[in-house]
């Protein structure tokens, strides 16, 4: 996956707690910008990697094809913005067939079939009282629809969420702090950045917790 920056060098420079003369003997702004560009890339790629190689950037027409699960939901890449088409392959050797929008709905994380009962097993059709446990068993699943499901959808954010940038800046500042402490002033190279990304002082427990919260079910994402 090709990394797409979450922040420009100017944004990073404005938000970081360090200046060029913290790292170089003379005021070398250009060299410092090169360092910030590399640090931004490493920090952003760390976020994407932690989330399963998934970017928060907007993507159109993402296609997912999966064996139809024996449940009413299919997990999609967070955050889902719109589902364009859902198709099912009913029989081996057949063609995918589109199903109507009235058959499904979606959340930020998943695609769901609308609740429905398997007609051949519905207790209501037999005139018996509804049993909630039995209803869950009788609910239509994707496996009842066909063998494979293909979903085409849009996901991600057109503007990077504020809390994603906040976590990235925390990682960036930790990387710069380690670079400043562990390298001789004037010898810091952008190529040395990756050495510090997995350092315990960079990926702290607090940062890992914040990363997990970025896409947790029911979590919130602030867009700026």
N, C-alpha and C. Protein backbone atom coordinates (compact mmCIF):
# COMPACT_ATOMS: atom_id res chain seq x y z
N UNK A 1 0.85 -1.19 0.00
CA UNK A 1 0.00 0.00 0.00
C UNK A 1 0.88 1.24 0.00
N UNK A 2 0.64 2.14 -0.95
CA UNK A 2 1.40 3.38 -1.04
C UNK A 2 0.87 4.37 -0.01
N UNK A 3 1.76 4.91 0.79
CA UNK A 3 1.34 5.83 1.83
C UNK A 3 0.99 7.20 1.25
N UNK A 4 -0.15 7.75 1.65
CA UNK A 4 -0.57 9.10 1.28
C UNK A 4 -0.51 9.96 2.54
N UNK A 5 0.22 11.07 2.53
CA UNK A 5 0.40 11.87 3.74
C UNK A 5 -0.92 12.33 4.36
N UNK A 6 -0.95 12.35 5.69
CA UNK A 6 -2.09 12.88 6.42
C UNK A 6 -1.91 14.38 6.68
N UNK A 7 -0.65 14.82 6.76
CA UNK A 7 -0.36 16.22 7.01
C UNK A 7 0.77 16.70 6.11
N UNK A 8 0.74 17.98 5.79
CA UNK A 8 1.84 18.59 5.04
C UNK A 8 2.98 18.89 6.02
N UNK A 9 4.15 19.16 5.45
CA UNK A 9 5.30 19.53 6.27
C UNK A 9 5.00 20.81 7.04
N UNK A 10 4.30 21.75 6.41
CA UNK A 10 3.95 23.00 7.08
C UNK A 10 3.08 22.74 8.32
N UNK A 11 2.11 21.83 8.19
CA UNK A 11 1.25 21.49 9.33
C UNK A 11 2.07 20.88 10.47
N UNK A 12 2.97 19.98 10.10
CA UNK A 12 3.79 19.32 11.12
C UNK A 12 4.68 20.34 11.82
N UNK A 13 5.29 21.23 11.04
CA UNK A 13 6.19 22.23 11.61
C UNK A 13 5.45 23.13 12.60
N UNK A 14 4.21 23.49 12.26
CA UNK A 14 3.42 24.36 13.13
C UNK A 14 3.02 23.67 14.43
N UNK A 15 2.84 22.34 14.39
CA UNK A 15 2.29 21.64 15.54
C UNK A 15 3.34 20.92 16.39
N UNK A 16 4.55 20.75 15.84
CA UNK A 16 5.56 20.05 16.62
C UNK A 16 6.18 20.96 17.68
N UNK A 17 6.70 20.34 18.71
CA UNK A 17 7.32 21.10 19.81
C UNK A 17 8.80 21.33 19.58
N UNK A 18 9.30 20.98 18.38
CA UNK A 18 10.73 21.12 18.10
C UNK A 18 10.98 22.08 16.93
N UNK A 19 12.19 22.62 16.91
CA UNK A 19 12.62 23.53 15.86
C UNK A 19 13.88 22.99 15.20
N UNK A 20 14.25 23.62 14.08
CA UNK A 20 15.42 23.15 13.34
C UNK A 20 16.68 23.16 14.19
N UNK A 21 16.86 24.20 15.03
CA UNK A 21 18.10 24.30 15.80
C UNK A 21 18.13 23.33 16.98
N UNK A 22 17.04 22.55 17.19
CA UNK A 22 17.08 21.48 18.18
C UNK A 22 17.86 20.27 17.65
N UNK A 23 18.07 20.23 16.32
CA UNK A 23 18.68 19.05 15.71
C UNK A 23 19.96 19.36 14.95
N UNK A 24 20.10 20.57 14.47
CA UNK A 24 21.24 20.90 13.61
C UNK A 24 22.02 22.09 14.19
N UNK A 25 23.31 22.08 13.92
CA UNK A 25 24.19 23.10 14.49
C UNK A 25 23.84 24.49 14.00
N UNK A 26 23.40 24.60 12.77
CA UNK A 26 22.98 25.89 12.22
C UNK A 26 21.51 25.80 11.83
N UNK A 27 20.92 26.93 11.52
CA UNK A 27 19.50 27.00 11.20
C UNK A 27 19.27 26.46 9.78
N UNK A 28 19.14 25.15 9.67
CA UNK A 28 18.97 24.50 8.37
C UNK A 28 17.51 24.10 8.18
N UNK A 29 16.69 25.07 7.77
CA UNK A 29 15.25 24.84 7.64
C UNK A 29 14.94 23.77 6.60
N UNK A 30 15.64 23.77 5.49
CA UNK A 30 15.39 22.81 4.42
C UNK A 30 15.68 21.39 4.89
N UNK A 31 16.79 21.23 5.59
CA UNK A 31 17.16 19.92 6.10
C UNK A 31 16.15 19.46 7.17
N UNK A 32 15.70 20.39 7.98
CA UNK A 32 14.70 20.07 9.00
C UNK A 32 13.37 19.66 8.36
N UNK A 33 12.98 20.33 7.27
CA UNK A 33 11.76 19.97 6.56
C UNK A 33 11.84 18.55 5.99
N UNK A 34 13.02 18.19 5.48
CA UNK A 34 13.21 16.83 4.97
C UNK A 34 13.02 15.81 6.09
N UNK A 35 13.52 16.16 7.28
CA UNK A 35 13.36 15.28 8.43
C UNK A 35 11.88 15.16 8.80
N UNK A 36 11.17 16.29 8.83
CA UNK A 36 9.75 16.27 9.18
C UNK A 36 8.92 15.48 8.18
N UNK A 37 9.27 15.59 6.90
CA UNK A 37 8.55 14.84 5.87
C UNK A 37 8.70 13.34 6.08
N UNK A 38 9.91 12.91 6.42
CA UNK A 38 10.14 11.48 6.66
C UNK A 38 9.44 11.01 7.94
N UNK A 39 9.50 11.85 8.98
CA UNK A 39 8.86 11.50 10.24
C UNK A 39 7.34 11.41 10.07
N UNK A 40 6.76 12.34 9.31
CA UNK A 40 5.31 12.30 9.04
C UNK A 40 4.94 11.00 8.34
N UNK A 41 5.72 10.60 7.36
CA UNK A 41 5.45 9.37 6.62
C UNK A 41 5.53 8.15 7.53
N UNK A 42 6.56 8.10 8.37
CA UNK A 42 6.72 6.95 9.26
C UNK A 42 5.58 6.88 10.27
N UNK A 43 5.20 8.04 10.81
CA UNK A 43 4.13 8.07 11.81
C UNK A 43 2.78 7.71 11.18
N UNK A 44 2.52 8.24 9.99
CA UNK A 44 1.26 7.93 9.31
C UNK A 44 1.18 6.47 8.90
N UNK A 45 2.29 5.94 8.38
CA UNK A 45 2.32 4.53 7.98
C UNK A 45 2.15 3.61 9.20
N UNK A 46 2.64 4.08 10.35
CA UNK A 46 2.46 3.31 11.59
C UNK A 46 0.99 3.21 11.95
N UNK A 47 0.26 4.33 11.80
CA UNK A 47 -1.18 4.32 12.06
C UNK A 47 -1.90 3.37 11.11
N UNK A 48 -1.59 3.46 9.82
CA UNK A 48 -2.23 2.59 8.83
C UNK A 48 -1.93 1.12 9.11
N UNK A 49 -0.68 0.83 9.45
CA UNK A 49 -0.28 -0.55 9.74
C UNK A 49 -1.00 -1.08 10.98
N UNK A 50 -1.08 -0.25 12.01
CA UNK A 50 -1.74 -0.65 13.26
C UNK A 50 -3.21 -0.98 13.01
N UNK A 51 -3.83 -0.29 12.05
CA UNK A 51 -5.24 -0.49 11.74
C UNK A 51 -5.46 -1.53 10.64
N UNK A 52 -4.43 -2.33 10.36
CA UNK A 52 -4.60 -3.39 9.37
C UNK A 52 -4.36 -2.93 7.95
N UNK A 53 -3.36 -2.06 7.77
CA UNK A 53 -3.03 -1.51 6.45
C UNK A 53 -4.23 -0.83 5.81
N UNK A 54 -4.96 -0.10 6.62
CA UNK A 54 -6.14 0.64 6.16
C UNK A 54 -5.93 2.13 6.38
N UNK A 55 -6.07 2.90 5.30
CA UNK A 55 -5.90 4.35 5.40
C UNK A 55 -7.23 5.00 5.75
N UNK A 56 -7.16 6.20 6.34
CA UNK A 56 -8.36 6.97 6.61
C UNK A 56 -8.75 7.85 5.42
N UNK A 57 -7.92 7.88 4.38
CA UNK A 57 -8.22 8.69 3.21
C UNK A 57 -9.41 8.12 2.43
N UNK A 58 -10.10 8.99 1.71
CA UNK A 58 -11.30 8.61 0.96
C UNK A 58 -10.94 7.71 -0.22
N UNK A 59 -11.72 6.66 -0.39
CA UNK A 59 -11.56 5.74 -1.52
C UNK A 59 -12.94 5.50 -2.15
N UNK A 60 -12.99 5.60 -3.47
CA UNK A 60 -14.24 5.35 -4.20
C UNK A 60 -14.21 3.97 -4.85
N UNK A 61 -15.37 3.32 -4.87
CA UNK A 61 -15.51 2.07 -5.60
C UNK A 61 -14.68 0.92 -5.05
N UNK A 62 -14.50 0.88 -3.74
CA UNK A 62 -13.78 -0.25 -3.13
C UNK A 62 -14.63 -1.50 -3.32
N UNK A 63 -14.00 -2.58 -3.75
CA UNK A 63 -14.74 -3.82 -4.02
C UNK A 63 -14.29 -4.93 -3.08
N UNK A 64 -15.25 -5.56 -2.45
CA UNK A 64 -14.97 -6.67 -1.54
C UNK A 64 -15.79 -7.87 -1.99
N UNK A 65 -15.12 -9.00 -2.20
CA UNK A 65 -15.81 -10.25 -2.56
C UNK A 65 -15.47 -11.31 -1.52
N UNK A 66 -16.48 -11.85 -0.87
CA UNK A 66 -16.26 -12.81 0.22
C UNK A 66 -17.23 -13.98 0.11
N UNK A 67 -16.85 -15.15 0.65
CA UNK A 67 -17.81 -16.25 0.77
C UNK A 67 -18.97 -15.78 1.65
N UNK A 68 -20.18 -16.07 1.25
CA UNK A 68 -21.35 -15.61 2.01
C UNK A 68 -21.34 -16.21 3.41
N UNK A 69 -21.26 -15.39 4.45
CA UNK A 69 -21.20 -15.92 5.82
C UNK A 69 -22.58 -16.35 6.33
N UNK A 70 -22.56 -17.24 7.30
CA UNK A 70 -23.83 -17.68 7.90
C UNK A 70 -24.23 -16.74 9.03
N UNK A 71 -24.30 -15.50 8.70
CA UNK A 71 -24.77 -14.45 9.60
C UNK A 71 -25.32 -13.31 8.75
N UNK A 72 -25.94 -12.34 9.39
CA UNK A 72 -26.62 -11.28 8.65
C UNK A 72 -25.74 -10.06 8.40
N UNK A 73 -24.46 -10.12 8.79
CA UNK A 73 -23.58 -8.95 8.61
C UNK A 73 -22.28 -9.33 7.94
N UNK A 74 -21.69 -8.35 7.25
CA UNK A 74 -20.38 -8.49 6.61
C UNK A 74 -19.54 -7.27 7.01
N UNK A 75 -18.35 -7.51 7.52
CA UNK A 75 -17.50 -6.40 7.95
C UNK A 75 -16.84 -5.73 6.74
N UNK A 76 -16.91 -4.40 6.71
CA UNK A 76 -16.29 -3.61 5.66
C UNK A 76 -15.19 -2.73 6.28
N UNK A 77 -14.40 -2.08 5.43
CA UNK A 77 -13.31 -1.24 5.92
C UNK A 77 -13.87 0.08 6.44
N UNK A 78 -13.59 0.39 7.68
CA UNK A 78 -14.06 1.62 8.33
C UNK A 78 -13.33 2.84 7.76
N UNK A 79 -14.01 3.98 7.62
CA UNK A 79 -15.45 4.18 7.79
C UNK A 79 -16.19 4.06 6.46
N UNK A 80 -17.31 3.38 6.45
CA UNK A 80 -18.11 3.23 5.24
C UNK A 80 -18.92 4.52 5.04
N UNK A 81 -18.85 5.08 3.83
CA UNK A 81 -19.60 6.30 3.52
C UNK A 81 -20.85 6.01 2.70
N UNK A 82 -20.76 5.07 1.76
CA UNK A 82 -21.91 4.75 0.93
C UNK A 82 -21.70 3.37 0.30
N UNK A 83 -22.76 2.60 0.23
CA UNK A 83 -22.72 1.31 -0.45
C UNK A 83 -23.34 1.50 -1.83
N UNK A 84 -22.56 1.24 -2.87
CA UNK A 84 -23.00 1.49 -4.24
C UNK A 84 -23.77 0.32 -4.84
N UNK A 85 -23.33 -0.89 -4.51
CA UNK A 85 -23.96 -2.07 -5.09
C UNK A 85 -23.63 -3.31 -4.28
N UNK A 86 -24.61 -4.20 -4.15
CA UNK A 86 -24.41 -5.49 -3.49
C UNK A 86 -24.88 -6.56 -4.46
N UNK A 87 -24.00 -7.53 -4.71
CA UNK A 87 -24.32 -8.62 -5.63
C UNK A 87 -24.09 -9.96 -4.94
N UNK A 88 -24.84 -10.97 -5.36
CA UNK A 88 -24.66 -12.31 -4.83
C UNK A 88 -24.51 -13.30 -5.98
N UNK A 89 -23.68 -14.29 -5.76
CA UNK A 89 -23.53 -15.40 -6.70
C UNK A 89 -24.28 -16.57 -6.09
N UNK A 90 -25.37 -16.95 -6.72
CA UNK A 90 -26.25 -17.95 -6.11
C UNK A 90 -25.79 -19.38 -6.35
N UNK A 91 -25.18 -19.65 -7.51
CA UNK A 91 -24.80 -21.02 -7.83
C UNK A 91 -23.46 -21.04 -8.53
N UNK A 92 -22.72 -22.11 -8.32
CA UNK A 92 -21.42 -22.27 -8.97
C UNK A 92 -21.60 -22.19 -10.49
N UNK A 93 -20.74 -21.41 -11.14
CA UNK A 93 -20.81 -21.29 -12.59
C UNK A 93 -21.81 -20.25 -13.06
N UNK A 94 -22.55 -19.65 -12.15
CA UNK A 94 -23.53 -18.63 -12.52
C UNK A 94 -22.92 -17.25 -12.57
N UNK A 95 -23.77 -16.25 -12.65
CA UNK A 95 -23.33 -14.85 -12.69
C UNK A 95 -23.78 -14.14 -11.41
N UNK A 96 -23.04 -13.11 -11.04
CA UNK A 96 -23.45 -12.29 -9.91
C UNK A 96 -24.73 -11.55 -10.27
N UNK A 97 -25.63 -11.45 -9.31
CA UNK A 97 -26.89 -10.74 -9.50
C UNK A 97 -27.01 -9.66 -8.42
N UNK A 98 -27.37 -8.46 -8.84
CA UNK A 98 -27.53 -7.37 -7.89
C UNK A 98 -28.82 -7.54 -7.09
N UNK A 99 -28.73 -7.23 -5.79
CA UNK A 99 -29.93 -7.28 -4.96
C UNK A 99 -30.37 -5.86 -4.65
N UNK A 100 -31.63 -5.67 -4.39
CA UNK A 100 -32.19 -4.35 -4.19
C UNK A 100 -31.74 -3.69 -2.90
N UNK A 101 -31.73 -2.36 -2.89
CA UNK A 101 -31.31 -1.60 -1.72
C UNK A 101 -32.23 -1.84 -0.53
N UNK A 102 -33.44 -2.27 -0.80
CA UNK A 102 -34.38 -2.54 0.30
C UNK A 102 -34.03 -3.79 1.08
N UNK A 103 -33.07 -4.56 0.58
CA UNK A 103 -32.69 -5.81 1.25
C UNK A 103 -31.58 -5.64 2.27
N UNK A 104 -30.91 -4.49 2.27
CA UNK A 104 -29.76 -4.32 3.15
C UNK A 104 -29.65 -2.90 3.65
N UNK A 105 -28.80 -2.70 4.67
CA UNK A 105 -28.44 -1.37 5.16
C UNK A 105 -27.00 -1.45 5.67
N UNK A 106 -26.39 -0.29 5.95
CA UNK A 106 -24.99 -0.31 6.37
C UNK A 106 -24.74 0.67 7.50
N UNK A 107 -23.66 0.41 8.25
CA UNK A 107 -23.17 1.30 9.29
C UNK A 107 -21.74 1.69 8.92
N UNK A 108 -21.05 2.38 9.82
CA UNK A 108 -19.65 2.75 9.56
C UNK A 108 -18.75 1.53 9.36
N UNK A 109 -19.15 0.40 9.92
CA UNK A 109 -18.29 -0.78 9.93
C UNK A 109 -18.80 -1.96 9.13
N UNK A 110 -20.13 -2.08 8.96
CA UNK A 110 -20.69 -3.34 8.43
C UNK A 110 -21.84 -3.13 7.46
N UNK A 111 -22.06 -4.18 6.67
CA UNK A 111 -23.22 -4.28 5.80
C UNK A 111 -24.15 -5.33 6.41
N UNK A 112 -25.44 -4.97 6.55
CA UNK A 112 -26.41 -5.86 7.18
C UNK A 112 -27.56 -6.18 6.24
N UNK A 113 -28.04 -7.41 6.35
CA UNK A 113 -29.32 -7.76 5.74
C UNK A 113 -30.43 -7.26 6.64
N UNK A 114 -31.49 -6.73 6.04
CA UNK A 114 -32.65 -6.39 6.85
C UNK A 114 -33.21 -7.67 7.48
N UNK A 115 -33.75 -7.51 8.67
CA UNK A 115 -34.29 -8.68 9.36
C UNK A 115 -35.38 -9.34 8.53
N UNK A 116 -35.32 -10.65 8.49
CA UNK A 116 -36.33 -11.43 7.78
C UNK A 116 -36.31 -12.85 8.29
N UNK A 117 -37.40 -13.54 8.17
CA UNK A 117 -37.49 -14.92 8.64
C UNK A 117 -37.43 -15.88 7.47
N UNK A 118 -36.78 -17.02 7.66
CA UNK A 118 -36.78 -18.07 6.66
C UNK A 118 -38.19 -18.66 6.63
N UNK A 119 -38.86 -18.50 5.51
CA UNK A 119 -40.27 -18.87 5.44
C UNK A 119 -40.54 -20.30 5.84
N UNK A 120 -39.66 -21.22 5.48
CA UNK A 120 -39.91 -22.64 5.75
C UNK A 120 -39.78 -23.00 7.21
N UNK A 121 -39.19 -22.08 8.03
CA UNK A 121 -38.94 -22.42 9.42
C UNK A 121 -39.56 -21.41 10.39
N UNK A 122 -40.31 -20.44 9.87
CA UNK A 122 -40.85 -19.39 10.73
C UNK A 122 -41.91 -19.91 11.68
N UNK A 123 -41.73 -19.64 12.96
CA UNK A 123 -42.72 -20.06 13.96
C UNK A 123 -44.02 -19.30 13.77
N UNK A 124 -43.91 -18.06 13.31
CA UNK A 124 -45.13 -17.29 13.14
C UNK A 124 -46.04 -17.94 12.08
N UNK A 125 -45.46 -18.50 11.04
CA UNK A 125 -46.26 -19.15 10.01
C UNK A 125 -46.96 -20.38 10.56
N UNK A 126 -46.42 -20.95 11.63
CA UNK A 126 -47.05 -22.12 12.22
C UNK A 126 -48.03 -21.74 13.32
N UNK A 127 -48.22 -20.41 13.51
CA UNK A 127 -49.19 -19.96 14.50
C UNK A 127 -48.73 -20.10 15.92
N UNK A 128 -47.40 -20.18 16.16
CA UNK A 128 -46.88 -20.33 17.50
C UNK A 128 -46.32 -19.00 18.00
N UNK A 129 -46.20 -18.89 19.31
CA UNK A 129 -45.62 -17.67 19.89
C UNK A 129 -44.18 -17.53 19.45
N UNK A 130 -43.75 -16.29 19.28
CA UNK A 130 -42.38 -16.03 18.85
C UNK A 130 -41.40 -16.32 19.98
N UNK A 131 -40.33 -17.00 19.66
CA UNK A 131 -39.26 -17.31 20.59
C UNK A 131 -38.02 -16.53 20.14
N UNK A 132 -37.52 -15.54 20.92
CA UNK A 132 -36.38 -14.72 20.48
C UNK A 132 -35.16 -15.54 20.09
N UNK A 133 -34.86 -16.59 20.85
CA UNK A 133 -33.70 -17.41 20.53
C UNK A 133 -33.89 -18.12 19.20
N UNK A 134 -35.10 -18.61 19.00
CA UNK A 134 -35.41 -19.30 17.76
C UNK A 134 -35.40 -18.34 16.58
N UNK A 135 -35.83 -17.08 16.83
CA UNK A 135 -35.87 -16.09 15.77
C UNK A 135 -34.48 -15.80 15.22
N UNK A 136 -33.49 -15.76 16.14
CA UNK A 136 -32.12 -15.54 15.69
C UNK A 136 -31.64 -16.65 14.78
N UNK A 137 -32.04 -17.89 15.09
CA UNK A 137 -31.65 -19.03 14.27
C UNK A 137 -32.32 -18.95 12.91
N UNK A 138 -33.59 -18.52 12.90
CA UNK A 138 -34.38 -18.51 11.68
C UNK A 138 -34.13 -17.29 10.80
N UNK A 139 -33.40 -16.29 11.31
CA UNK A 139 -33.17 -15.08 10.53
C UNK A 139 -32.38 -15.38 9.28
N UNK A 140 -32.74 -14.73 8.19
CA UNK A 140 -32.04 -14.91 6.93
C UNK A 140 -30.60 -14.43 7.06
N UNK A 141 -29.65 -15.19 6.55
CA UNK A 141 -28.24 -14.83 6.56
C UNK A 141 -27.76 -14.65 5.12
N UNK A 142 -26.55 -14.16 4.97
CA UNK A 142 -26.00 -13.99 3.62
C UNK A 142 -25.84 -15.34 2.93
N UNK A 143 -25.58 -16.38 3.71
CA UNK A 143 -25.44 -17.72 3.12
C UNK A 143 -26.76 -18.20 2.51
N UNK A 144 -27.87 -17.70 3.02
CA UNK A 144 -29.17 -18.03 2.43
C UNK A 144 -29.38 -17.32 1.09
N UNK A 145 -28.61 -16.25 0.86
CA UNK A 145 -28.76 -15.47 -0.36
C UNK A 145 -27.96 -16.05 -1.52
N UNK A 146 -26.84 -16.71 -1.21
CA UNK A 146 -26.01 -17.25 -2.27
C UNK A 146 -24.68 -17.77 -1.74
N UNK A 147 -23.78 -18.07 -2.67
CA UNK A 147 -22.47 -18.63 -2.30
C UNK A 147 -21.44 -17.54 -2.02
N UNK A 148 -21.46 -16.48 -2.82
CA UNK A 148 -20.51 -15.38 -2.68
C UNK A 148 -21.27 -14.06 -2.63
N UNK A 149 -20.66 -13.09 -1.94
CA UNK A 149 -21.22 -11.74 -1.90
C UNK A 149 -20.15 -10.77 -2.38
N UNK A 150 -20.55 -9.84 -3.26
CA UNK A 150 -19.63 -8.81 -3.74
C UNK A 150 -20.22 -7.45 -3.42
N UNK A 151 -19.44 -6.64 -2.69
CA UNK A 151 -19.91 -5.32 -2.24
C UNK A 151 -19.01 -4.25 -2.86
N UNK A 152 -19.62 -3.24 -3.46
CA UNK A 152 -18.89 -2.09 -3.99
C UNK A 152 -19.31 -0.87 -3.18
N UNK A 153 -18.33 -0.18 -2.58
CA UNK A 153 -18.69 0.91 -1.67
C UNK A 153 -17.61 1.98 -1.63
N UNK A 154 -17.98 3.13 -1.06
CA UNK A 154 -17.04 4.23 -0.83
C UNK A 154 -16.72 4.28 0.66
N UNK A 155 -15.48 4.61 0.97
CA UNK A 155 -15.08 4.63 2.38
C UNK A 155 -14.02 5.71 2.61
N UNK A 156 -13.72 5.96 3.89
CA UNK A 156 -12.68 6.90 4.24
C UNK A 156 -13.22 8.32 4.37
N UNK A 157 -12.30 9.27 4.60
CA UNK A 157 -12.65 10.66 4.82
C UNK A 157 -12.02 11.55 3.75
N UNK A 158 -12.79 12.51 3.25
CA UNK A 158 -12.22 13.47 2.30
C UNK A 158 -11.30 14.44 3.03
N UNK A 159 -11.54 14.65 4.33
CA UNK A 159 -10.67 15.45 5.18
C UNK A 159 -10.22 14.60 6.35
N UNK A 160 -8.93 14.58 6.60
CA UNK A 160 -8.39 13.73 7.66
C UNK A 160 -8.95 14.16 9.02
N UNK A 161 -9.52 13.22 9.79
CA UNK A 161 -10.10 13.57 11.10
C UNK A 161 -9.08 14.18 12.06
N UNK A 162 -9.57 15.09 12.89
CA UNK A 162 -8.69 15.79 13.83
C UNK A 162 -8.02 14.84 14.81
N UNK A 163 -8.75 13.80 15.27
CA UNK A 163 -8.13 12.91 16.25
C UNK A 163 -7.09 11.99 15.63
N UNK A 164 -7.18 11.74 14.31
CA UNK A 164 -6.13 10.99 13.62
C UNK A 164 -4.86 11.83 13.58
N UNK A 165 -5.01 13.12 13.24
CA UNK A 165 -3.84 14.01 13.22
C UNK A 165 -3.24 14.17 14.61
N UNK A 166 -4.10 14.20 15.61
CA UNK A 166 -3.61 14.35 16.98
C UNK A 166 -2.75 13.16 17.39
N UNK A 167 -3.20 11.95 17.07
CA UNK A 167 -2.42 10.75 17.39
C UNK A 167 -1.13 10.75 16.59
N UNK A 168 -1.22 11.13 15.32
CA UNK A 168 -0.01 11.17 14.49
C UNK A 168 1.01 12.15 15.06
N UNK A 169 0.55 13.31 15.53
CA UNK A 169 1.49 14.28 16.10
C UNK A 169 2.14 13.74 17.37
N UNK A 170 1.40 12.99 18.15
CA UNK A 170 1.99 12.40 19.36
C UNK A 170 3.11 11.44 18.98
N UNK A 171 2.90 10.65 17.92
CA UNK A 171 3.94 9.73 17.45
C UNK A 171 5.13 10.52 16.90
N UNK A 172 4.84 11.55 16.12
CA UNK A 172 5.90 12.38 15.53
C UNK A 172 6.78 13.00 16.61
N UNK A 173 6.17 13.57 17.62
CA UNK A 173 6.95 14.20 18.69
C UNK A 173 7.77 13.19 19.47
N UNK A 174 7.22 11.98 19.66
CA UNK A 174 7.99 10.93 20.34
C UNK A 174 9.19 10.50 19.51
N UNK A 175 9.01 10.38 18.19
CA UNK A 175 10.13 10.01 17.32
C UNK A 175 11.20 11.10 17.37
N UNK A 176 10.78 12.35 17.26
CA UNK A 176 11.76 13.45 17.29
C UNK A 176 12.48 13.53 18.63
N UNK A 177 11.75 13.26 19.71
CA UNK A 177 12.36 13.28 21.04
C UNK A 177 13.48 12.23 21.12
N UNK A 178 13.20 11.03 20.60
CA UNK A 178 14.20 9.97 20.63
C UNK A 178 15.38 10.28 19.73
N UNK A 179 15.10 10.85 18.56
CA UNK A 179 16.19 11.24 17.66
C UNK A 179 17.10 12.27 18.33
N UNK A 180 16.49 13.22 19.01
CA UNK A 180 17.26 14.29 19.64
C UNK A 180 18.11 13.76 20.79
N UNK A 181 17.57 12.83 21.54
CA UNK A 181 18.29 12.29 22.70
C UNK A 181 19.40 11.32 22.31
N UNK A 182 19.19 10.57 21.24
CA UNK A 182 20.08 9.45 20.95
C UNK A 182 21.06 9.68 19.82
N UNK A 183 20.97 10.82 19.15
CA UNK A 183 21.92 11.09 18.07
C UNK A 183 22.71 12.35 18.36
N UNK A 184 23.88 12.41 17.79
CA UNK A 184 24.72 13.61 17.96
C UNK A 184 24.12 14.76 17.17
N UNK A 185 24.09 15.94 17.77
CA UNK A 185 23.60 17.12 17.10
C UNK A 185 24.37 17.34 15.80
N UNK A 186 23.63 17.53 14.70
CA UNK A 186 24.26 17.78 13.41
C UNK A 186 24.41 16.54 12.56
N UNK A 187 24.16 15.34 13.13
CA UNK A 187 24.35 14.12 12.34
C UNK A 187 23.05 13.38 12.07
N UNK A 188 21.92 13.98 12.45
CA UNK A 188 20.64 13.30 12.28
C UNK A 188 20.23 13.28 10.82
N UNK A 189 19.91 12.10 10.33
CA UNK A 189 19.51 11.94 8.94
C UNK A 189 18.06 11.45 8.87
N UNK A 190 17.29 11.91 7.87
CA UNK A 190 15.92 11.40 7.71
C UNK A 190 15.87 9.89 7.56
N UNK A 191 16.93 9.30 7.02
CA UNK A 191 16.95 7.85 6.83
C UNK A 191 17.00 7.08 8.15
N UNK A 192 17.34 7.76 9.23
CA UNK A 192 17.47 7.09 10.53
C UNK A 192 16.13 6.99 11.26
N UNK A 193 15.08 7.61 10.72
CA UNK A 193 13.81 7.71 11.43
C UNK A 193 13.19 6.35 11.72
N UNK A 194 13.20 5.45 10.75
CA UNK A 194 12.52 4.16 10.91
C UNK A 194 13.08 3.35 12.07
N UNK A 195 14.30 3.62 12.47
CA UNK A 195 14.92 2.91 13.59
C UNK A 195 14.16 3.14 14.88
N UNK A 196 13.49 4.28 14.98
CA UNK A 196 12.87 4.67 16.25
C UNK A 196 11.36 4.47 16.30
N UNK A 197 10.76 4.04 15.21
CA UNK A 197 9.31 3.95 15.16
C UNK A 197 8.74 2.94 16.14
N UNK A 198 9.38 1.79 16.27
CA UNK A 198 8.87 0.74 17.15
C UNK A 198 9.45 0.80 18.55
N UNK A 199 10.17 1.85 18.82
CA UNK A 199 10.73 2.03 20.16
C UNK A 199 9.60 2.16 21.18
N UNK A 200 9.78 1.59 22.35
CA UNK A 200 8.74 1.61 23.39
C UNK A 200 8.33 3.03 23.75
N UNK A 201 9.29 3.96 23.71
CA UNK A 201 8.98 5.34 24.06
C UNK A 201 8.19 6.05 22.95
N UNK A 202 8.17 5.46 21.76
CA UNK A 202 7.41 6.03 20.64
C UNK A 202 5.99 5.49 20.64
N UNK A 203 5.85 4.18 20.61
CA UNK A 203 4.53 3.54 20.64
C UNK A 203 4.16 3.24 22.10
N UNK A 204 3.80 4.26 22.81
CA UNK A 204 3.45 4.11 24.22
C UNK A 204 2.08 3.44 24.36
N UNK A 205 1.76 3.00 25.58
CA UNK A 205 0.46 2.38 25.84
C UNK A 205 -0.67 3.36 25.55
N UNK A 206 -0.44 4.62 25.88
CA UNK A 206 -1.47 5.64 25.65
C UNK A 206 -1.74 5.81 24.16
N UNK A 207 -0.68 5.83 23.35
CA UNK A 207 -0.87 5.97 21.91
C UNK A 207 -1.56 4.74 21.34
N UNK A 208 -1.18 3.55 21.78
CA UNK A 208 -1.84 2.33 21.30
C UNK A 208 -3.32 2.36 21.66
N UNK A 209 -3.65 2.83 22.85
CA UNK A 209 -5.05 2.93 23.26
C UNK A 209 -5.80 3.90 22.37
N UNK A 210 -5.18 5.04 22.08
CA UNK A 210 -5.82 6.03 21.22
C UNK A 210 -5.98 5.51 19.79
N UNK A 211 -5.02 4.74 19.31
CA UNK A 211 -5.12 4.15 17.98
C UNK A 211 -6.30 3.17 17.91
N UNK A 212 -6.46 2.37 18.94
CA UNK A 212 -7.57 1.42 18.96
C UNK A 212 -8.91 2.12 18.99
N UNK A 213 -8.97 3.26 19.64
CA UNK A 213 -10.23 4.00 19.76
C UNK A 213 -10.64 4.68 18.46
N UNK A 214 -9.70 4.85 17.53
CA UNK A 214 -10.01 5.55 16.29
C UNK A 214 -11.08 4.84 15.46
N UNK A 215 -11.13 3.51 15.52
CA UNK A 215 -12.10 2.78 14.69
C UNK A 215 -12.97 1.83 15.50
N UNK A 216 -12.99 1.99 16.81
CA UNK A 216 -13.82 1.10 17.62
C UNK A 216 -15.30 1.36 17.34
N UNK A 217 -16.09 0.29 17.45
CA UNK A 217 -17.53 0.42 17.25
C UNK A 217 -18.09 1.41 18.26
N UNK A 218 -18.87 2.36 17.79
CA UNK A 218 -19.46 3.35 18.67
C UNK A 218 -18.52 4.51 18.96
N UNK A 219 -17.30 4.46 18.45
CA UNK A 219 -16.37 5.55 18.68
C UNK A 219 -16.71 6.75 17.82
N UNK A 220 -16.13 7.89 18.14
CA UNK A 220 -16.39 9.10 17.38
C UNK A 220 -15.12 9.56 16.70
N UNK A 221 -15.28 10.19 15.54
CA UNK A 221 -14.15 10.73 14.82
C UNK A 221 -14.44 12.18 14.47
N UNK A 222 -13.57 13.07 14.87
CA UNK A 222 -13.76 14.49 14.61
C UNK A 222 -13.11 14.86 13.29
N UNK A 223 -13.90 15.45 12.40
CA UNK A 223 -13.38 15.86 11.11
C UNK A 223 -13.17 17.36 11.09
N UNK A 224 -12.03 17.77 10.58
CA UNK A 224 -11.76 19.21 10.51
C UNK A 224 -11.70 19.64 9.05
